[in-house]
């Protein structure tokens, strides 16, 4: 989790002429389905964090972290999406506000 917090912890400084062409998930990226292999989660998470950084979703601001949590749903499928819908955004969730890192740890657990 240290790498995630490191990559997303600070806003990325873009050059003045940089024109953003990356969106949080255009639908073509690989989705995570909650496999038991840590390497699958790690590979997927590297892709997600890179996309979020390039989509200007880096930084310590709680509002940006909430956006990361919300956008994460588009990167999930199968068991992972079911878990997210039940525990993170469902009406019967036991934790009212999740951080991005908490969701990633929950997906792995």
PDB file of N, CA and C in Angstrom:
ATOM      1  N   UNK A   1       0.816  -1.201   0.000  1.00  0.00           N
ATOM      2  CA  UNK A   1       0.000   0.000   0.000  1.00  0.00           C
ATOM      3  C   UNK A   1       0.859   1.265   0.000  1.00  0.00           C
ATOM      4  N   UNK A   2       2.107   1.129   0.411  1.00  0.00           N
ATOM      5  CA  UNK A   2       2.976   2.298   0.438  1.00  0.00           C
ATOM      6  C   UNK A   2       3.120   2.944  -0.924  1.00  0.00           C
ATOM      7  N   UNK A   3       3.226   2.115  -1.974  1.00  0.00           N
ATOM      8  CA  UNK A   3       3.367   2.649  -3.325  1.00  0.00           C
ATOM      9  C   UNK A   3       2.123   3.425  -3.741  1.00  0.00           C
ATOM     10  N   UNK A   4       0.951   2.940  -3.390  1.00  0.00           N
ATOM     11  CA  UNK A   4      -0.297   3.618  -3.732  1.00  0.00           C
ATOM     12  C   UNK A   4      -0.338   4.984  -3.067  1.00  0.00           C
ATOM     13  N   UNK A   5      -0.084   5.025  -1.784  1.00  0.00           N
ATOM     14  CA  UNK A   5      -0.121   6.300  -1.056  1.00  0.00           C
ATOM     15  C   UNK A   5       0.946   7.254  -1.587  1.00  0.00           C
ATOM     16  N   UNK A   6       2.102   6.711  -1.955  1.00  0.00           N
ATOM     17  CA  UNK A   6       3.170   7.532  -2.506  1.00  0.00           C
ATOM     18  C   UNK A   6       2.767   8.119  -3.858  1.00  0.00           C
ATOM     19  N   UNK A   7       2.210   7.286  -4.741  1.00  0.00           N
ATOM     20  CA  UNK A   7       1.821   7.745  -6.085  1.00  0.00           C
ATOM     21  C   UNK A   7       0.650   8.716  -6.039  1.00  0.00           C
ATOM     22  N   UNK A   8      -0.307   8.476  -5.166  1.00  0.00           N
ATOM     23  CA  UNK A   8      -1.511   9.302  -5.137  1.00  0.00           C
ATOM     24  C   UNK A   8      -1.482  10.386  -4.069  1.00  0.00           C
ATOM     25  N   UNK A   9      -0.471  10.384  -3.220  1.00  0.00           N
ATOM     26  CA  UNK A   9      -0.429  11.299  -2.084  1.00  0.00           C
ATOM     27  C   UNK A   9      -0.210  12.759  -2.423  1.00  0.00           C
ATOM     28  N   UNK A  10       0.394  13.024  -3.570  1.00  0.00           N
ATOM     29  CA  UNK A  10       0.670  14.399  -3.967  1.00  0.00           C
ATOM     30  C   UNK A  10       0.105  14.647  -5.353  1.00  0.00           C
ATOM     31  N   UNK A  11      -0.383  15.858  -5.602  1.00  0.00           N
ATOM     32  CA  UNK A  11      -0.847  16.158  -6.957  1.00  0.00           C
ATOM     33  C   UNK A  11       0.328  16.128  -7.926  1.00  0.00           C
ATOM     34  N   UNK A  12       0.089  15.658  -9.101  1.00  0.00           N
ATOM     35  CA  UNK A  12       1.112  15.590 -10.134  1.00  0.00           C
ATOM     36  C   UNK A  12       1.257  16.956 -10.770  1.00  0.00           C
ATOM     37  N   UNK A  13       2.475  17.398 -10.944  1.00  0.00           N
ATOM     38  CA  UNK A  13       2.739  18.704 -11.550  1.00  0.00           C
ATOM     39  C   UNK A  13       2.848  18.525 -13.063  1.00  0.00           C
ATOM     40  N   UNK A  14       1.856  19.007 -13.786  1.00  0.00           N
ATOM     41  CA  UNK A  14       1.854  18.903 -15.236  1.00  0.00           C
ATOM     42  C   UNK A  14       2.507  20.141 -15.849  1.00  0.00           C
ATOM     43  N   UNK A  15       3.222  19.972 -16.956  1.00  0.00           N
ATOM     44  CA  UNK A  15       3.777  21.135 -17.647  1.00  0.00           C
ATOM     45  C   UNK A  15       2.643  22.038 -18.144  1.00  0.00           C
ATOM     46  N   UNK A  16       2.932  23.314 -18.316  1.00  0.00           N
ATOM     47  CA  UNK A  16       1.920  24.283 -18.732  1.00  0.00           C
ATOM     48  C   UNK A  16       1.225  23.892 -20.026  1.00  0.00           C
ATOM     49  N   UNK A  17       1.933  23.311 -20.958  1.00  0.00           N
ATOM     50  CA  UNK A  17       1.358  22.974 -22.269  1.00  0.00           C
ATOM     51  C   UNK A  17       0.724  21.590 -22.317  1.00  0.00           C
ATOM     52  N   UNK A  18       0.710  20.904 -21.209  1.00  0.00           N
ATOM     53  CA  UNK A  18       0.166  19.541 -21.176  1.00  0.00           C
ATOM     54  C   UNK A  18      -1.338  19.559 -21.430  1.00  0.00           C
ATOM     55  N   UNK A  19      -1.779  18.751 -22.392  1.00  0.00           N
ATOM     56  CA  UNK A  19      -3.200  18.613 -22.672  1.00  0.00           C
ATOM     57  C   UNK A  19      -3.610  17.203 -22.262  1.00  0.00           C
ATOM     58  N   UNK A  20      -4.506  17.135 -21.332  1.00  0.00           N
ATOM     59  CA  UNK A  20      -4.920  15.853 -20.778  1.00  0.00           C
ATOM     60  C   UNK A  20      -5.771  15.078 -21.782  1.00  0.00           C
ATOM     61  N   UNK A  21      -5.390  13.814 -22.006  1.00  0.00           N
ATOM     62  CA  UNK A  21      -6.184  12.973 -22.892  1.00  0.00           C
ATOM     63  C   UNK A  21      -6.597  11.675 -22.207  1.00  0.00           C
ATOM     64  N   UNK A  22      -6.204  11.529 -20.960  1.00  0.00           N
ATOM     65  CA  UNK A  22      -6.517  10.316 -20.207  1.00  0.00           C
ATOM     66  C   UNK A  22      -7.712  10.572 -19.303  1.00  0.00           C
ATOM     67  N   UNK A  23      -8.633   9.643 -19.294  1.00  0.00           N
ATOM     68  CA  UNK A  23      -9.784   9.707 -18.393  1.00  0.00           C
ATOM     69  C   UNK A  23      -9.635   8.605 -17.361  1.00  0.00           C
ATOM     70  N   UNK A  24     -10.298   8.713 -16.193  1.00  0.00           N
ATOM     71  CA  UNK A  24     -10.124   7.704 -15.143  1.00  0.00           C
ATOM     72  C   UNK A  24     -10.316   6.262 -15.607  1.00  0.00           C
ATOM     73  N   UNK A  25     -11.232   5.986 -16.502  1.00  0.00           N
ATOM     74  CA  UNK A  25     -11.341   4.660 -17.103  1.00  0.00           C
ATOM     75  C   UNK A  25     -12.169   4.784 -18.367  1.00  0.00           C
ATOM     76  N   UNK A  26     -11.522   4.547 -19.499  1.00  0.00           N
ATOM     77  CA  UNK A  26     -12.212   4.668 -20.782  1.00  0.00           C
ATOM     78  C   UNK A  26     -12.963   3.396 -21.144  1.00  0.00           C
ATOM     79  N   UNK A  27     -12.854   2.363 -20.310  1.00  0.00           N
ATOM     80  CA  UNK A  27     -13.578   1.121 -20.566  1.00  0.00           C
ATOM     81  C   UNK A  27     -12.724   0.047 -21.206  1.00  0.00           C
ATOM     82  N   UNK A  28     -11.524   0.404 -21.685  1.00  0.00           N
ATOM     83  CA  UNK A  28     -10.663  -0.572 -22.346  1.00  0.00           C
ATOM     84  C   UNK A  28      -9.654  -1.213 -21.407  1.00  0.00           C
ATOM     85  N   UNK A  29      -9.507  -0.671 -20.211  1.00  0.00           N
ATOM     86  CA  UNK A  29      -8.515  -1.183 -19.282  1.00  0.00           C
ATOM     87  C   UNK A  29      -9.006  -2.452 -18.597  1.00  0.00           C
ATOM     88  N   UNK A  30      -8.039  -3.247 -18.156  1.00  0.00           N
ATOM     89  CA  UNK A  30      -8.371  -4.489 -17.471  1.00  0.00           C
ATOM     90  C   UNK A  30      -9.032  -4.201 -16.125  1.00  0.00           C
ATOM     91  N   UNK A  31     -10.085  -4.932 -15.845  1.00  0.00           N
ATOM     92  CA  UNK A  31     -10.797  -4.774 -14.577  1.00  0.00           C
ATOM     93  C   UNK A  31     -10.362  -5.862 -13.601  1.00  0.00           C
ATOM     94  N   UNK A  32     -10.488  -5.556 -12.326  1.00  0.00           N
ATOM     95  CA  UNK A  32     -10.109  -6.502 -11.275  1.00  0.00           C
ATOM     96  C   UNK A  32     -11.338  -7.266 -10.820  1.00  0.00           C
ATOM     97  N   UNK A  33     -11.179  -8.590 -10.668  1.00  0.00           N
ATOM     98  CA  UNK A  33     -12.324  -9.427 -10.288  1.00  0.00           C
ATOM     99  C   UNK A  33     -12.132 -10.138  -8.954  1.00  0.00           C
ATOM    100  N   UNK A  34     -11.104  -9.743  -8.193  1.00  0.00           N
ATOM    101  CA  UNK A  34     -10.842 -10.281  -6.849  1.00  0.00           C
ATOM    102  C   UNK A  34     -10.319 -11.714  -6.889  1.00  0.00           C
ATOM    103  N   UNK A  35      -9.206 -11.893  -7.560  1.00  0.00           N
ATOM    104  CA  UNK A  35      -8.564 -13.193  -7.602  1.00  0.00           C
ATOM    105  C   UNK A  35      -7.735 -13.379  -6.339  1.00  0.00           C
ATOM    106  N   UNK A  36      -7.429 -14.624  -5.966  1.00  0.00           N
ATOM    107  CA  UNK A  36      -6.651 -14.856  -4.750  1.00  0.00           C
ATOM    108  C   UNK A  36      -5.159 -14.538  -4.897  1.00  0.00           C
ATOM    109  N   UNK A  37      -4.690 -14.258  -6.101  1.00  0.00           N
ATOM    110  CA  UNK A  37      -3.269 -13.987  -6.321  1.00  0.00           C
ATOM    111  C   UNK A  37      -2.968 -12.507  -6.096  1.00  0.00           C
ATOM    112  N   UNK A  38      -2.052 -12.247  -5.171  1.00  0.00           N
ATOM    113  CA  UNK A  38      -1.662 -10.865  -4.888  1.00  0.00           C
ATOM    114  C   UNK A  38      -1.079 -10.190  -6.122  1.00  0.00           C
ATOM    115  N   UNK A  39      -0.350 -10.944  -6.939  1.00  0.00           N
ATOM    116  CA  UNK A  39       0.276 -10.361  -8.127  1.00  0.00           C
ATOM    117  C   UNK A  39      -0.764  -9.794  -9.093  1.00  0.00           C
ATOM    118  N   UNK A  40      -1.952 -10.406  -9.168  1.00  0.00           N
ATOM    119  CA  UNK A  40      -3.019  -9.875 -10.019  1.00  0.00           C
ATOM    120  C   UNK A  40      -3.491  -8.516  -9.505  1.00  0.00           C
ATOM    121  N   UNK A  41      -3.676  -8.426  -8.192  1.00  0.00           N
ATOM    122  CA  UNK A  41      -4.088  -7.158  -7.588  1.00  0.00           C
ATOM    123  C   UNK A  41      -3.012  -6.099  -7.793  1.00  0.00           C
ATOM    124  N   UNK A  42      -1.775  -6.475  -7.568  1.00  0.00           N
ATOM    125  CA  UNK A  42      -0.669  -5.524  -7.679  1.00  0.00           C
ATOM    126  C   UNK A  42      -0.537  -4.978  -9.110  1.00  0.00           C
ATOM    127  N   UNK A  43      -0.607  -5.840 -10.095  1.00  0.00           N
ATOM    128  CA  UNK A  43      -0.506  -5.420 -11.495  1.00  0.00           C
ATOM    129  C   UNK A  43      -1.645  -4.484 -11.861  1.00  0.00           C
ATOM    130  N   UNK A  44      -2.849  -4.855 -11.476  1.00  0.00           N
ATOM    131  CA  UNK A  44      -4.020  -4.029 -11.739  1.00  0.00           C
ATOM    132  C   UNK A  44      -3.912  -2.678 -11.029  1.00  0.00           C
ATOM    133  N   UNK A  45      -3.464  -2.694  -9.786  1.00  0.00           N
ATOM    134  CA  UNK A  45      -3.377  -1.473  -8.987  1.00  0.00           C
ATOM    135  C   UNK A  45      -2.362  -0.489  -9.549  1.00  0.00           C
ATOM    136  N   UNK A  46      -1.279  -0.982 -10.098  1.00  0.00           N
ATOM    137  CA  UNK A  46      -0.296  -0.104 -10.735  1.00  0.00           C
ATOM    138  C   UNK A  46      -0.938   0.640 -11.902  1.00  0.00           C
ATOM    139  N   UNK A  47      -1.715  -0.076 -12.701  1.00  0.00           N
ATOM    140  CA  UNK A  47      -2.403   0.542 -13.832  1.00  0.00           C
ATOM    141  C   UNK A  47      -3.402   1.592 -13.362  1.00  0.00           C
ATOM    142  N   UNK A  48      -4.194   1.246 -12.348  1.00  0.00           N
ATOM    143  CA  UNK A  48      -5.205   2.168 -11.830  1.00  0.00           C
ATOM    144  C   UNK A  48      -4.559   3.430 -11.273  1.00  0.00           C
ATOM    145  N   UNK A  49      -3.547   3.281 -10.443  1.00  0.00           N
ATOM    146  CA  UNK A  49      -2.925   4.465  -9.843  1.00  0.00           C
ATOM    147  C   UNK A  49      -2.278   5.346 -10.904  1.00  0.00           C
ATOM    148  N   UNK A  50      -1.648   4.740 -11.914  1.00  0.00           N
ATOM    149  CA  UNK A  50      -1.065   5.553 -12.985  1.00  0.00           C
ATOM    150  C   UNK A  50      -2.149   6.333 -13.727  1.00  0.00           C
ATOM    151  N   UNK A  51      -3.250   5.692 -14.017  1.00  0.00           N
ATOM    152  CA  UNK A  51      -4.352   6.393 -14.683  1.00  0.00           C
ATOM    153  C   UNK A  51      -4.895   7.509 -13.808  1.00  0.00           C
ATOM    154  N   UNK A  52      -5.038   7.264 -12.525  1.00  0.00           N
ATOM    155  CA  UNK A  52      -5.563   8.296 -11.628  1.00  0.00           C
ATOM    156  C   UNK A  52      -4.619   9.483 -11.540  1.00  0.00           C
ATOM    157  N   UNK A  53      -3.327   9.228 -11.453  1.00  0.00           N
ATOM    158  CA  UNK A  53      -2.353  10.317 -11.400  1.00  0.00           C
ATOM    159  C   UNK A  53      -2.428  11.143 -12.671  1.00  0.00           C
ATOM    160  N   UNK A  54      -2.479  10.477 -13.825  1.00  0.00           N
ATOM    161  CA  UNK A  54      -2.534  11.190 -15.101  1.00  0.00           C
ATOM    162  C   UNK A  54      -3.887  11.844 -15.349  1.00  0.00           C
ATOM    163  N   UNK A  55      -4.896  11.446 -14.573  1.00  0.00           N
ATOM    164  CA  UNK A  55      -6.226  12.053 -14.673  1.00  0.00           C
ATOM    165  C   UNK A  55      -6.420  13.160 -13.639  1.00  0.00           C
ATOM    166  N   UNK A  56      -5.319  13.572 -13.023  1.00  0.00           N
ATOM    167  CA  UNK A  56      -5.325  14.636 -12.011  1.00  0.00           C
ATOM    168  C   UNK A  56      -6.110  14.247 -10.758  1.00  0.00           C
ATOM    169  N   UNK A  57      -6.043  12.969 -10.427  1.00  0.00           N
ATOM    170  CA  UNK A  57      -6.713  12.483  -9.215  1.00  0.00           C
ATOM    171  C   UNK A  57      -5.692  12.124  -8.136  1.00  0.00           C
ATOM    172  N   UNK A  58      -4.554  12.800  -8.138  1.00  0.00           N
ATOM    173  CA  UNK A  58      -3.557  12.624  -7.091  1.00  0.00           C
ATOM    174  C   UNK A  58      -3.654  13.766  -6.101  1.00  0.00           C
ATOM    175  N   UNK A  59      -3.212  13.524  -4.896  1.00  0.00           N
ATOM    176  CA  UNK A  59      -3.203  14.563  -3.875  1.00  0.00           C
ATOM    177  C   UNK A  59      -3.896  14.125  -2.610  1.00  0.00           C
ATOM    178  N   UNK A  60      -3.595  14.785  -1.508  1.00  0.00           N
ATOM    179  CA  UNK A  60      -4.123  14.374  -0.206  1.00  0.00           C
ATOM    180  C   UNK A  60      -5.544  14.859   0.088  1.00  0.00           C
ATOM    181  N   UNK A  61      -6.111  15.686  -0.753  1.00  0.00           N
ATOM    182  CA  UNK A  61      -7.443  16.245  -0.521  1.00  0.00           C
ATOM    183  C   UNK A  61      -8.486  15.141  -0.388  1.00  0.00           C
ATOM    184  N   UNK A  62      -9.307  15.210   0.643  1.00  0.00           N
ATOM    185  CA  UNK A  62     -10.337  14.190   0.895  1.00  0.00           C
ATOM    186  C   UNK A  62     -11.356  14.126  -0.242  1.00  0.00           C
ATOM    187  N   UNK A  63     -11.634  15.243  -0.875  1.00  0.00           N
ATOM    188  CA  UNK A  63     -12.582  15.239  -1.994  1.00  0.00           C
ATOM    189  C   UNK A  63     -12.022  14.455  -3.179  1.00  0.00           C
ATOM    190  N   UNK A  64     -10.738  14.611  -3.435  1.00  0.00           N
ATOM    191  CA  UNK A  64     -10.106  13.846  -4.516  1.00  0.00           C
ATOM    192  C   UNK A  64     -10.079  12.370  -4.151  1.00  0.00           C
ATOM    193  N   UNK A  65      -9.805  12.055  -2.889  1.00  0.00           N
ATOM    194  CA  UNK A  65      -9.803  10.655  -2.472  1.00  0.00           C
ATOM    195  C   UNK A  65     -11.191  10.042  -2.671  1.00  0.00           C
ATOM    196  N   UNK A  66     -12.232  10.789  -2.394  1.00  0.00           N
ATOM    197  CA  UNK A  66     -13.592  10.292  -2.601  1.00  0.00           C
ATOM    198  C   UNK A  66     -13.856  10.049  -4.086  1.00  0.00           C
ATOM    199  N   UNK A  67     -13.338  10.910  -4.946  1.00  0.00           N
ATOM    200  CA  UNK A  67     -13.459  10.689  -6.391  1.00  0.00           C
ATOM    201  C   UNK A  67     -12.762   9.396  -6.798  1.00  0.00           C
ATOM    202  N   UNK A  68     -11.578   9.150  -6.231  1.00  0.00           N
ATOM    203  CA  UNK A  68     -10.867   7.900  -6.539  1.00  0.00           C
ATOM    204  C   UNK A  68     -11.696   6.696  -6.121  1.00  0.00           C
ATOM    205  N   UNK A  69     -12.307   6.765  -4.945  1.00  0.00           N
ATOM    206  CA  UNK A  69     -13.161   5.673  -4.470  1.00  0.00           C
ATOM    207  C   UNK A  69     -14.337   5.489  -5.427  1.00  0.00           C
ATOM    208  N   UNK A  70     -14.948   6.568  -5.851  1.00  0.00           N
ATOM    209  CA  UNK A  70     -16.098   6.477  -6.746  1.00  0.00           C
ATOM    210  C   UNK A  70     -15.714   5.963  -8.130  1.00  0.00           C
ATOM    211  N   UNK A  71     -14.631   6.468  -8.692  1.00  0.00           N
ATOM    212  CA  UNK A  71     -14.186   6.006 -10.009  1.00  0.00           C
ATOM    213  C   UNK A  71     -13.736   4.546  -9.984  1.00  0.00           C
ATOM    214  N   UNK A  72     -13.307   4.080  -8.835  1.00  0.00           N
ATOM    215  CA  UNK A  72     -12.818   2.712  -8.726  1.00  0.00           C
ATOM    216  C   UNK A  72     -13.859   1.689  -9.158  1.00  0.00           C
ATOM    217  N   UNK A  73     -15.116   1.998  -8.971  1.00  0.00           N
ATOM    218  CA  UNK A  73     -16.180   1.067  -9.346  1.00  0.00           C
ATOM    219  C   UNK A  73     -16.093   0.679 -10.822  1.00  0.00           C
ATOM    220  N   UNK A  74     -15.686   1.611 -11.672  1.00  0.00           N
ATOM    221  CA  UNK A  74     -15.602   1.320 -13.108  1.00  0.00           C
ATOM    222  C   UNK A  74     -14.433   0.403 -13.450  1.00  0.00           C
ATOM    223  N   UNK A  75     -13.551   0.172 -12.491  1.00  0.00           N
ATOM    224  CA  UNK A  75     -12.383  -0.688 -12.699  1.00  0.00           C
ATOM    225  C   UNK A  75     -12.590  -2.092 -12.132  1.00  0.00           C
ATOM    226  N   UNK A  76     -13.790  -2.385 -11.667  1.00  0.00           N
ATOM    227  CA  UNK A  76     -14.067  -3.668 -11.011  1.00  0.00           C
ATOM    228  C   UNK A  76     -15.086  -4.477 -11.787  1.00  0.00           C
ATOM    229  N   UNK A  77     -15.036  -5.801 -11.558  1.00  0.00           N
ATOM    230  CA  UNK A  77     -16.031  -6.699 -12.132  1.00  0.00           C
ATOM    231  C   UNK A  77     -16.163  -7.921 -11.234  1.00  0.00           C
ATOM    232  N   UNK A  78     -17.181  -8.714 -11.464  1.00  0.00           N
ATOM    233  CA  UNK A  78     -17.369  -9.974 -10.750  1.00  0.00           C
ATOM    234  C   UNK A  78     -17.436  -9.821  -9.240  1.00  0.00           C
ATOM    235  N   UNK A  79     -16.697 -10.682  -8.527  1.00  0.00           N
ATOM    236  CA  UNK A  79     -16.706 -10.682  -7.066  1.00  0.00           C
ATOM    237  C   UNK A  79     -16.230  -9.364  -6.480  1.00  0.00           C
ATOM    238  N   UNK A  80     -15.258  -8.740  -7.126  1.00  0.00           N
ATOM    239  CA  UNK A  80     -14.745  -7.464  -6.621  1.00  0.00           C
ATOM    240  C   UNK A  80     -15.812  -6.372  -6.702  1.00  0.00           C
ATOM    241  N   UNK A  81     -16.535  -6.333  -7.801  1.00  0.00           N
ATOM    242  CA  UNK A  81     -17.599  -5.343  -7.949  1.00  0.00           C
ATOM    243  C   UNK A  81     -18.737  -5.615  -6.969  1.00  0.00           C
ATOM    244  N   UNK A  82     -19.081  -6.874  -6.771  1.00  0.00           N
ATOM    245  CA  UNK A  82     -20.120  -7.218  -5.792  1.00  0.00           C
ATOM    246  C   UNK A  82     -19.702  -6.786  -4.391  1.00  0.00           C
ATOM    247  N   UNK A  83     -18.446  -7.043  -4.026  1.00  0.00           N
ATOM    248  CA  UNK A  83     -17.942  -6.637  -2.711  1.00  0.00           C
ATOM    249  C   UNK A  83     -18.012  -5.118  -2.576  1.00  0.00           C
ATOM    250  N   UNK A  84     -17.542  -4.392  -3.569  1.00  0.00           N
ATOM    251  CA  UNK A  84     -17.547  -2.928  -3.548  1.00  0.00           C
ATOM    252  C   UNK A  84     -18.973  -2.398  -3.379  1.00  0.00           C
ATOM    253  N   UNK A  85     -19.891  -2.911  -4.169  1.00  0.00           N
ATOM    254  CA  UNK A  85     -21.275  -2.441  -4.096  1.00  0.00           C
ATOM    255  C   UNK A  85     -21.898  -2.717  -2.729  1.00  0.00           C
ATOM    256  N   UNK A  86     -21.559  -3.837  -2.125  1.00  0.00           N
ATOM    257  CA  UNK A  86     -22.136  -4.206  -0.832  1.00  0.00           C
ATOM    258  C   UNK A  86     -21.478  -3.450   0.322  1.00  0.00           C
ATOM    259  N   UNK A  87     -20.161  -3.373   0.330  1.00  0.00           N
ATOM    260  CA  UNK A  87     -19.440  -2.841   1.493  1.00  0.00           C
ATOM    261  C   UNK A  87     -19.071  -1.363   1.414  1.00  0.00           C
ATOM    262  N   UNK A  88     -18.864  -0.848   0.215  1.00  0.00           N
ATOM    263  CA  UNK A  88     -18.375   0.528   0.077  1.00  0.00           C
ATOM    264  C   UNK A  88     -19.509   1.513  -0.204  1.00  0.00           C
ATOM    265  N   UNK A  89     -20.436   1.151  -1.084  1.00  0.00           N
ATOM    266  CA  UNK A  89     -21.493   2.093  -1.448  1.00  0.00           C
ATOM    267  C   UNK A  89     -22.896   1.613  -1.105  1.00  0.00           C
ATOM    268  N   UNK A  90     -23.050   0.393  -0.642  1.00  0.00           N
ATOM    269  CA  UNK A  90     -24.368  -0.144  -0.316  1.00  0.00           C
ATOM    270  C   UNK A  90     -25.003   0.540   0.879  1.00  0.00           C
ATOM    271  N   UNK A  91     -26.307   0.515   0.923  1.00  0.00           N
ATOM    272  CA  UNK A  91     -27.032   1.197   2.007  1.00  0.00           C
ATOM    273  C   UNK A  91     -26.809   0.538   3.364  1.00  0.00           C
ATOM    274  N   UNK A  92     -26.423  -0.721   3.410  1.00  0.00           N
ATOM    275  CA  UNK A  92     -26.181  -1.418   4.674  1.00  0.00           C
ATOM    276  C   UNK A  92     -24.698  -1.516   5.029  1.00  0.00           C
ATOM    277  N   UNK A  93     -23.870  -0.681   4.435  1.00  0.00           N
ATOM    278  CA  UNK A  93     -22.424  -0.746   4.712  1.00  0.00           C
ATOM    279  C   UNK A  93     -22.158  -0.388   6.173  1.00  0.00           C
ATOM    280  N   UNK A  94     -21.135  -0.994   6.743  1.00  0.00           N
ATOM    281  CA  UNK A  94     -20.811  -0.731   8.150  1.00  0.00           C
ATOM    282  C   UNK A  94     -19.838   0.442   8.308  1.00  0.00           C
ATOM    283  N   UNK A  95     -19.103   0.790   7.251  1.00  0.00           N
ATOM    284  CA  UNK A  95     -18.178   1.916   7.277  1.00  0.00           C
ATOM    285  C   UNK A  95     -18.769   3.008   6.383  1.00  0.00           C
ATOM    286  N   UNK A  96     -19.101   4.173   6.955  1.00  0.00           N
ATOM    287  CA  UNK A  96     -19.772   5.197   6.142  1.00  0.00           C
ATOM    288  C   UNK A  96     -18.879   5.857   5.089  1.00  0.00           C
ATOM    289  N   UNK A  97     -17.587   6.066   5.371  1.00  0.00           N
ATOM    290  CA  UNK A  97     -16.683   6.739   4.447  1.00  0.00           C
ATOM    291  C   UNK A  97     -15.405   5.932   4.288  1.00  0.00           C
ATOM    292  N   UNK A  98     -15.166   5.466   3.106  1.00  0.00           N
ATOM    293  CA  UNK A  98     -13.979   4.676   2.801  1.00  0.00           C
ATOM    294  C   UNK A  98     -12.923   5.552   2.137  1.00  0.00           C
ATOM    295  N   UNK A  99     -11.663   5.321   2.469  1.00  0.00           N
ATOM    296  CA  UNK A  99     -10.571   5.937   1.718  1.00  0.00           C
ATOM    297  C   UNK A  99     -10.208   4.984   0.588  1.00  0.00           C
ATOM    298  N   UNK A 100      -9.498   5.501  -0.390  1.00  0.00           N
ATOM    299  CA  UNK A 100      -9.062   4.673  -1.514  1.00  0.00           C
ATOM    300  C   UNK A 100      -8.211   3.505  -1.009  1.00  0.00           C
ATOM    301  N   UNK A 101      -7.264   3.784  -0.126  1.00  0.00           N
ATOM    302  CA  UNK A 101      -6.389   2.726   0.396  1.00  0.00           C
ATOM    303  C   UNK A 101      -7.181   1.693   1.184  1.00  0.00           C
ATOM    304  N   UNK A 102      -8.187   2.115   1.934  1.00  0.00           N
ATOM    305  CA  UNK A 102      -9.032   1.175   2.673  1.00  0.00           C
ATOM    306  C   UNK A 102      -9.788   0.246   1.721  1.00  0.00           C
ATOM    307  N   UNK A 103     -10.271   0.793   0.614  1.00  0.00           N
ATOM    308  CA  UNK A 103     -10.987  -0.035  -0.357  1.00  0.00           C
ATOM    309  C   UNK A 103     -10.047  -1.070  -0.960  1.00  0.00           C
ATOM    310  N   UNK A 104      -8.838  -0.657  -1.317  1.00  0.00           N
ATOM    311  CA  UNK A 104      -7.883  -1.593  -1.903  1.00  0.00           C
ATOM    312  C   UNK A 104      -7.549  -2.704  -0.907  1.00  0.00           C
ATOM    313  N   UNK A 105      -7.337  -2.351   0.350  1.00  0.00           N
ATOM    314  CA  UNK A 105      -7.072  -3.379   1.371  1.00  0.00           C
ATOM    315  C   UNK A 105      -8.278  -4.300   1.526  1.00  0.00           C
ATOM    316  N   UNK A 106      -9.477  -3.758   1.500  1.00  0.00           N
ATOM    317  CA  UNK A 106     -10.685  -4.568   1.590  1.00  0.00           C
ATOM    318  C   UNK A 106     -10.832  -5.512   0.423  1.00  0.00           C
ATOM    319  N   UNK A 107     -10.501  -5.052  -0.764  1.00  0.00           N
ATOM    320  CA  UNK A 107     -10.566  -5.913  -1.942  1.00  0.00           C
ATOM    321  C   UNK A 107      -9.620  -7.093  -1.817  1.00  0.00           C
ATOM    322  N   UNK A 108      -8.453  -6.848  -1.242  1.00  0.00           N
ATOM    323  CA  UNK A 108      -7.486  -7.926  -1.102  1.00  0.00           C
ATOM    324  C   UNK A 108      -7.882  -8.901   0.002  1.00  0.00           C
ATOM    325  N   UNK A 109      -8.405  -8.363   1.099  1.00  0.00           N
ATOM    326  CA  UNK A 109      -8.814  -9.228   2.225  1.00  0.00           C
ATOM    327  C   UNK A 109      -9.961 -10.113   1.800  1.00  0.00           C
TER     328      UNK A 109
END
